[in-house]
Amino acid sequence: MTNMTAPQREKLELLCARYDVTFTESDYLVYSQDSSMMPGWAEGWIGGSPGTLYVGVSPEGDSHS
């Protein structure tokens, strides 16, 4: 389990469903709140497999690829 927020989890679950891949929370890196780069953001490959879509999701659930 990561320190992912509920909005991040919901967005990533939605994206995984859209691409018909399995959501596994441990596939995503969540930066700590004191990180100098993207504090609190989650990032990783949708479905955990390189080549699908690499996405970053803010703690509020906004996604960017």
N, C-alpha and C. Protein backbone atom coordinates (compact mmCIF):
# COMPACT_ATOMS: atom_id res chain seq x y z
N MET A 1 0.84 -1.18 0.00
CA MET A 1 0.00 0.00 0.00
C MET A 1 0.89 1.24 0.00
N THR A 2 0.52 2.23 -0.79
CA THR A 2 1.27 3.48 -0.85
C THR A 2 0.54 4.54 -0.05
N ASN A 3 1.09 5.73 -0.05
CA ASN A 3 0.41 6.85 0.60
C ASN A 3 -0.41 7.64 -0.43
N MET A 4 -0.97 6.94 -1.40
CA MET A 4 -1.80 7.52 -2.45
C MET A 4 -3.10 8.07 -1.84
N THR A 5 -3.54 9.21 -2.36
CA THR A 5 -4.81 9.79 -1.89
C THR A 5 -5.98 9.08 -2.58
N ALA A 6 -7.15 9.22 -2.00
CA ALA A 6 -8.35 8.62 -2.61
C ALA A 6 -8.59 9.17 -4.02
N PRO A 7 -8.46 10.49 -4.27
CA PRO A 7 -8.65 11.00 -5.63
C PRO A 7 -7.63 10.43 -6.63
N GLN A 8 -6.39 10.23 -6.20
CA GLN A 8 -5.38 9.63 -7.08
C GLN A 8 -5.78 8.19 -7.42
N ARG A 9 -6.16 7.45 -6.40
CA ARG A 9 -6.56 6.05 -6.61
C ARG A 9 -7.75 5.96 -7.55
N GLU A 10 -8.74 6.81 -7.35
CA GLU A 10 -9.93 6.80 -8.21
C GLU A 10 -9.56 7.12 -9.66
N LYS A 11 -8.69 8.12 -9.87
CA LYS A 11 -8.28 8.48 -11.22
C LYS A 11 -7.52 7.34 -11.89
N LEU A 12 -6.59 6.73 -11.17
CA LEU A 12 -5.82 5.64 -11.74
C LEU A 12 -6.68 4.41 -12.01
N GLU A 13 -7.62 4.11 -11.13
CA GLU A 13 -8.55 3.01 -11.39
C GLU A 13 -9.37 3.28 -12.65
N LEU A 14 -9.82 4.52 -12.82
CA LEU A 14 -10.59 4.90 -14.01
C LEU A 14 -9.74 4.76 -15.27
N LEU A 15 -8.51 5.24 -15.22
CA LEU A 15 -7.63 5.13 -16.39
C LEU A 15 -7.33 3.67 -16.73
N CYS A 16 -7.08 2.86 -15.71
CA CYS A 16 -6.83 1.43 -15.96
C CYS A 16 -8.04 0.77 -16.60
N ALA A 17 -9.23 1.10 -16.11
CA ALA A 17 -10.45 0.53 -16.70
C ALA A 17 -10.59 0.98 -18.16
N ARG A 18 -10.28 2.24 -18.42
CA ARG A 18 -10.39 2.78 -19.79
C ARG A 18 -9.45 2.05 -20.75
N TYR A 19 -8.27 1.66 -20.26
CA TYR A 19 -7.28 0.97 -21.10
C TYR A 19 -7.36 -0.56 -20.94
N ASP A 20 -8.36 -1.02 -20.19
CA ASP A 20 -8.60 -2.45 -20.00
C ASP A 20 -7.38 -3.17 -19.44
N VAL A 21 -6.79 -2.58 -18.39
CA VAL A 21 -5.68 -3.19 -17.69
C VAL A 21 -5.99 -3.21 -16.20
N THR A 22 -5.28 -4.04 -15.48
CA THR A 22 -5.49 -4.20 -14.06
C THR A 22 -4.85 -3.06 -13.27
N PHE A 23 -5.58 -2.51 -12.31
CA PHE A 23 -5.03 -1.51 -11.41
C PHE A 23 -4.36 -2.21 -10.24
N THR A 24 -3.08 -1.90 -10.04
CA THR A 24 -2.32 -2.39 -8.89
C THR A 24 -1.62 -1.18 -8.29
N GLU A 25 -2.01 -0.81 -7.10
CA GLU A 25 -1.50 0.42 -6.48
C GLU A 25 0.02 0.45 -6.40
N SER A 26 0.64 -0.68 -6.17
CA SER A 26 2.10 -0.72 -6.03
C SER A 26 2.84 -0.46 -7.34
N ASP A 27 2.13 -0.38 -8.46
CA ASP A 27 2.76 -0.05 -9.74
C ASP A 27 3.14 1.42 -9.84
N TYR A 28 2.70 2.24 -8.89
CA TYR A 28 2.88 3.68 -8.97
C TYR A 28 3.74 4.19 -7.83
N LEU A 29 4.64 5.11 -8.17
CA LEU A 29 5.47 5.79 -7.20
C LEU A 29 4.72 7.01 -6.70
N VAL A 30 4.65 7.19 -5.40
CA VAL A 30 4.04 8.39 -4.82
C VAL A 30 5.15 9.16 -4.11
N TYR A 31 5.42 10.36 -4.59
CA TYR A 31 6.44 11.20 -3.99
C TYR A 31 6.00 11.65 -2.60
N SER A 32 6.94 11.76 -1.68
CA SER A 32 6.61 12.23 -0.34
C SER A 32 6.21 13.70 -0.39
N GLN A 33 5.51 14.14 0.63
CA GLN A 33 5.05 15.53 0.71
C GLN A 33 6.22 16.51 0.83
N ASP A 34 7.36 16.06 1.30
CA ASP A 34 8.52 16.95 1.42
C ASP A 34 9.49 16.82 0.26
N SER A 35 9.08 16.15 -0.80
CA SER A 35 9.91 16.01 -1.99
C SER A 35 10.09 17.36 -2.68
N SER A 36 11.27 17.59 -3.22
CA SER A 36 11.52 18.84 -3.95
C SER A 36 10.93 18.77 -5.36
N MET A 37 10.55 17.57 -5.80
CA MET A 37 9.99 17.38 -7.13
C MET A 37 8.62 16.73 -7.03
N MET A 38 7.59 17.41 -7.44
CA MET A 38 6.23 16.88 -7.49
C MET A 38 5.74 16.31 -6.15
N PRO A 39 5.79 17.08 -5.07
CA PRO A 39 5.38 16.56 -3.76
C PRO A 39 3.96 16.02 -3.76
N GLY A 40 3.83 14.76 -3.30
CA GLY A 40 2.52 14.13 -3.19
C GLY A 40 1.98 13.53 -4.47
N TRP A 41 2.65 13.73 -5.60
CA TRP A 41 2.16 13.20 -6.88
C TRP A 41 2.42 11.71 -6.99
N ALA A 42 1.55 11.00 -7.70
CA ALA A 42 1.74 9.59 -8.03
C ALA A 42 2.07 9.51 -9.51
N GLU A 43 2.98 8.62 -9.89
CA GLU A 43 3.30 8.47 -11.30
C GLU A 43 3.65 7.03 -11.62
N GLY A 44 3.44 6.66 -12.87
CA GLY A 44 3.77 5.32 -13.32
C GLY A 44 3.05 4.98 -14.61
N TRP A 45 3.32 3.76 -15.10
CA TRP A 45 2.68 3.26 -16.31
C TRP A 45 1.30 2.72 -15.97
N ILE A 46 0.30 3.09 -16.75
CA ILE A 46 -1.05 2.54 -16.57
C ILE A 46 -0.98 1.04 -16.78
N GLY A 47 -1.42 0.29 -15.81
CA GLY A 47 -1.36 -1.17 -15.87
C GLY A 47 -0.01 -1.73 -15.49
N GLY A 48 0.96 -0.85 -15.16
CA GLY A 48 2.26 -1.31 -14.70
C GLY A 48 3.19 -1.79 -15.79
N SER A 49 2.77 -1.73 -17.04
CA SER A 49 3.57 -2.23 -18.14
C SER A 49 4.04 -1.10 -19.04
N PRO A 50 5.34 -0.93 -19.20
CA PRO A 50 5.81 0.13 -20.10
C PRO A 50 5.19 0.01 -21.50
N GLY A 51 4.82 1.15 -22.02
CA GLY A 51 4.28 1.17 -23.38
C GLY A 51 2.81 1.51 -23.45
N THR A 52 2.08 1.41 -22.34
CA THR A 52 0.65 1.74 -22.37
C THR A 52 0.50 3.25 -22.34
N LEU A 53 0.67 3.85 -21.18
CA LEU A 53 0.58 5.29 -21.00
C LEU A 53 1.23 5.63 -19.67
N TYR A 54 2.18 6.57 -19.69
CA TYR A 54 2.82 7.01 -18.46
C TYR A 54 2.07 8.23 -17.97
N VAL A 55 1.68 8.23 -16.71
CA VAL A 55 0.82 9.30 -16.20
C VAL A 55 1.30 9.76 -14.84
N GLY A 56 1.07 11.04 -14.57
CA GLY A 56 1.27 11.61 -13.25
C GLY A 56 -0.08 12.10 -12.75
N VAL A 57 -0.36 11.89 -11.48
CA VAL A 57 -1.64 12.29 -10.91
C VAL A 57 -1.39 13.11 -9.64
N SER A 58 -1.95 14.31 -9.61
CA SER A 58 -1.79 15.19 -8.44
C SER A 58 -2.53 14.61 -7.25
N PRO A 59 -2.23 15.07 -6.05
CA PRO A 59 -2.95 14.59 -4.87
C PRO A 59 -4.46 14.86 -4.96
N GLU A 60 -4.85 15.84 -5.77
CA GLU A 60 -6.27 16.17 -5.95
C GLU A 60 -6.94 15.33 -7.04
N GLY A 61 -6.16 14.51 -7.77
CA GLY A 61 -6.72 13.63 -8.78
C GLY A 61 -6.64 14.14 -10.20
N ASP A 62 -5.93 15.25 -10.44
CA ASP A 62 -5.74 15.74 -11.81
C ASP A 62 -4.63 14.94 -12.46
N SER A 63 -4.87 14.45 -13.69
CA SER A 63 -3.87 13.62 -14.34
C SER A 63 -3.24 14.32 -15.54
N HIS A 64 -1.99 13.95 -15.79
CA HIS A 64 -1.21 14.49 -16.91
C HIS A 64 -0.37 13.35 -17.47
N SER A 65 -0.32 13.27 -18.79
CA SER A 65 0.49 12.21 -19.40
C SER A 65 1.54 12.82 -20.30
